[in-house]
Amino acid sequence: MNEAMQRPIDRWFQNYSGDHRNGTNQLIHVVAVPAILWSVVALLWCIPIFGTLFKSGIWAALAMFATWMFYNRLSRPIGYGMLAVFFTMGCLCRLIEQTFGLQVLLYSAITVFVVAWIAQFIGHKIEGKKPSFFTDLIYLLIGPIWVMSKFYRHMGWKY
């Protein structure tokens, strides 16, 4: 299919995949990208809301909703999958906050964020290519749905 006929999501995936051909780098991304996504959600979850009726998590909810809208416009099936992912991540954040406290959630998010990014850069060192987001920051949003699309293909589902 020529590039003019491709859906935008297919063009994003084609460009992103060009920087992620090495099997080890792909495996690292399959683990590290969702970990980074969760850590960002958790970090946003921890931003305090003073003097309002809102509880912790409102910033994360707003960010997840805005991101989900972007994903849903690219592909309805990917949008549904990411809605489930975001819901699960929100539930996990709430569970950790209620069970262990907001401080544990914050420190866990920071730890996961740092470790997962180190893994990402190791993967790109193995690959021999710079991360895609050095070209365009939008690739920070493409990574999670690229991983989701790998899962969809594995399941035989269309995205």
Protein backbone atom coordinates (compact mmCIF):
# COMPACT_ATOMS: atom_id res chain seq x y z
CA MET A 1 0.00 0.00 0.00
CA ASN A 2 1.47 3.36 -0.90
CA GLU A 3 2.11 5.81 1.90
CA ALA A 4 -0.68 8.20 0.85
CA MET A 5 -3.22 5.37 1.25
CA GLN A 6 -1.99 4.27 4.69
CA ARG A 7 -3.89 5.14 7.83
CA PRO A 8 -2.02 7.55 10.12
CA ILE A 9 -1.58 4.83 12.74
CA ASP A 10 0.12 2.59 10.18
CA ARG A 11 2.53 5.36 9.24
CA TRP A 12 3.34 5.97 12.90
CA PHE A 13 3.94 2.25 13.48
CA GLN A 14 6.04 1.91 10.33
CA ASN A 15 8.33 4.75 11.39
CA TYR A 16 8.48 3.58 15.01
CA SER A 17 9.23 -0.01 13.95
CA GLY A 18 12.17 1.24 11.89
CA ASP A 19 13.94 2.15 15.15
CA HIS A 20 12.96 -1.11 16.84
CA ARG A 21 14.06 -4.01 14.64
CA ASN A 22 16.32 -5.85 17.09
CA GLY A 23 14.50 -8.63 18.93
CA THR A 24 16.13 -7.87 22.27
CA ASN A 25 15.24 -4.19 21.99
CA GLN A 26 11.65 -5.11 21.12
CA LEU A 27 11.41 -7.43 24.13
CA ILE A 28 12.78 -4.71 26.41
CA HIS A 29 10.19 -2.29 25.00
CA VAL A 30 7.33 -4.74 25.54
CA VAL A 31 8.18 -4.69 29.25
CA ALA A 32 9.58 -1.19 29.74
CA VAL A 33 7.04 0.86 27.76
CA PRO A 34 4.02 -0.26 29.82
CA ALA A 35 6.11 0.19 32.98
CA ILE A 36 6.95 3.76 31.96
CA LEU A 37 3.33 4.44 31.09
CA TRP A 38 2.20 3.21 34.51
CA SER A 39 4.90 5.23 36.25
CA VAL A 40 3.82 8.42 34.48
CA VAL A 41 0.19 7.76 35.42
CA ALA A 42 1.26 7.12 39.02
CA LEU A 43 3.41 10.27 39.14
CA LEU A 44 0.49 12.34 37.87
CA TRP A 45 -1.72 10.55 40.40
CA CYS A 46 0.49 11.85 43.21
CA ILE A 47 0.18 15.55 42.31
CA PRO A 48 -1.73 17.06 45.22
CA ILE A 49 -5.10 18.75 44.87
CA PHE A 50 -5.49 21.28 47.64
CA GLY A 51 -8.74 23.02 48.53
CA THR A 52 -11.01 21.11 46.15
CA LEU A 53 -13.51 18.30 46.25
CA PHE A 54 -11.31 16.20 43.97
CA LYS A 55 -9.22 13.37 45.33
CA SER A 56 -5.76 12.36 44.24
CA GLY A 57 -5.68 10.97 40.75
CA ILE A 58 -7.57 13.73 38.97
CA TRP A 59 -4.48 14.86 37.01
CA ALA A 60 -3.80 11.29 35.98
CA ALA A 61 -7.43 10.83 34.94
CA LEU A 62 -7.35 13.98 32.82
CA ALA A 63 -4.08 12.96 31.15
CA MET A 64 -5.32 9.43 30.52
CA PHE A 65 -8.55 10.77 29.00
CA ALA A 66 -6.72 13.18 26.68
CA THR A 67 -4.30 10.45 25.61
CA TRP A 68 -7.14 7.98 25.12
CA MET A 69 -8.89 10.48 22.82
CA PHE A 70 -5.75 10.63 20.66
CA TYR A 71 -5.52 6.83 20.56
CA ASN A 72 -9.22 6.39 19.83
CA ARG A 73 -8.99 8.77 16.86
CA LEU A 74 -6.10 6.74 15.42
CA SER A 75 -7.86 3.39 15.84
CA ARG A 76 -11.08 2.46 17.61
CA PRO A 77 -9.86 -1.07 18.54
CA ILE A 78 -6.59 0.35 19.93
CA GLY A 79 -8.66 2.98 21.76
CA TYR A 80 -10.73 0.26 23.43
CA GLY A 81 -7.61 -1.64 24.42
CA MET A 82 -5.95 1.44 25.85
CA LEU A 83 -9.14 2.34 27.73
CA ALA A 84 -8.86 -1.02 29.48
CA VAL A 85 -5.15 -0.43 30.14
CA PHE A 86 -5.78 3.05 31.57
CA PHE A 87 -8.65 1.79 33.72
CA THR A 88 -6.43 -0.98 35.09
CA MET A 89 -3.58 1.45 35.75
CA GLY A 90 -5.92 3.81 37.56
CA CYS A 91 -7.27 0.97 39.69
CA LEU A 92 -3.73 -0.13 40.51
CA CYS A 93 -2.76 3.39 41.56
CA ARG A 94 -5.85 3.72 43.75
CA LEU A 95 -5.18 0.28 45.30
CA ILE A 96 -1.55 1.12 46.10
CA GLU A 97 -2.56 4.52 47.48
CA GLN A 98 -5.28 3.09 49.72
CA THR A 99 -3.24 0.10 50.86
CA PHE A 100 0.21 1.63 51.34
CA GLY A 101 -0.25 5.38 51.02
CA LEU A 102 0.51 8.04 48.47
CA GLN A 103 4.18 8.21 49.43
CA VAL A 104 4.71 4.53 48.55
CA LEU A 105 2.96 5.12 45.23
CA LEU A 106 5.22 8.09 44.53
CA TYR A 107 8.45 6.27 45.37
CA SER A 108 7.35 3.19 43.43
CA ALA A 109 6.56 5.34 40.40
CA ILE A 110 9.92 7.08 40.54
CA THR A 111 11.77 3.75 40.86
CA VAL A 112 9.87 2.12 38.00
CA PHE A 113 10.32 5.21 35.82
CA VAL A 114 14.10 5.30 36.29
CA VAL A 115 14.65 1.54 35.93
CA ALA A 116 12.42 1.26 32.85
CA TRP A 117 14.12 4.20 31.11
CA ILE A 118 17.54 2.69 31.82
CA ALA A 119 16.27 -0.52 30.23
CA GLN A 120 14.97 1.43 27.22
CA PHE A 121 18.33 3.09 26.64
CA ILE A 122 20.11 -0.26 26.99
CA GLY A 123 17.74 -1.63 24.35
CA HIS A 124 18.54 1.26 22.03
CA LYS A 125 22.26 0.79 22.64
CA ILE A 126 21.83 -2.85 21.56
CA GLU A 127 19.74 -1.69 18.57
CA GLY A 128 22.33 0.90 17.60
CA LYS A 129 19.68 3.58 17.04
CA LYS A 130 18.48 6.55 19.01
CA PRO A 131 15.00 6.41 20.55
CA SER A 132 12.26 7.57 18.18
CA PHE A 133 11.18 10.41 20.44
CA PHE A 134 14.49 12.15 19.72
CA THR A 135 13.03 12.67 16.22
CA ASP A 136 9.50 13.62 17.33
CA LEU A 137 8.09 13.75 20.86
CA ILE A 138 4.80 12.25 19.65
CA TYR A 139 6.60 8.89 19.66
CA LEU A 140 6.35 8.98 23.45
CA LEU A 141 2.62 8.43 22.84
CA ILE A 142 3.14 5.93 20.01
CA GLY A 143 5.26 3.49 22.06
CA PRO A 144 2.38 2.21 24.22
CA ILE A 145 0.06 1.58 21.27
CA TRP A 146 2.90 -0.01 19.29
CA VAL A 147 3.22 -2.52 22.15
CA MET A 148 -0.58 -2.89 22.18
CA SER A 149 -0.56 -3.54 18.42
CA LYS A 150 2.00 -6.34 18.93
CA PHE A 151 -0.42 -7.91 21.42
CA TYR A 152 -3.31 -7.50 18.98
CA ARG A 153 -1.33 -9.17 16.18
CA HIS A 154 -0.36 -12.01 18.54
CA MET A 155 -4.05 -12.53 19.35
CA GLY A 156 -5.04 -12.35 15.68
CA TRP A 157 -7.03 -9.15 16.23
CA LYS A 158 -7.15 -6.20 13.85
CA TYR A 159 -6.29 -2.73 15.02
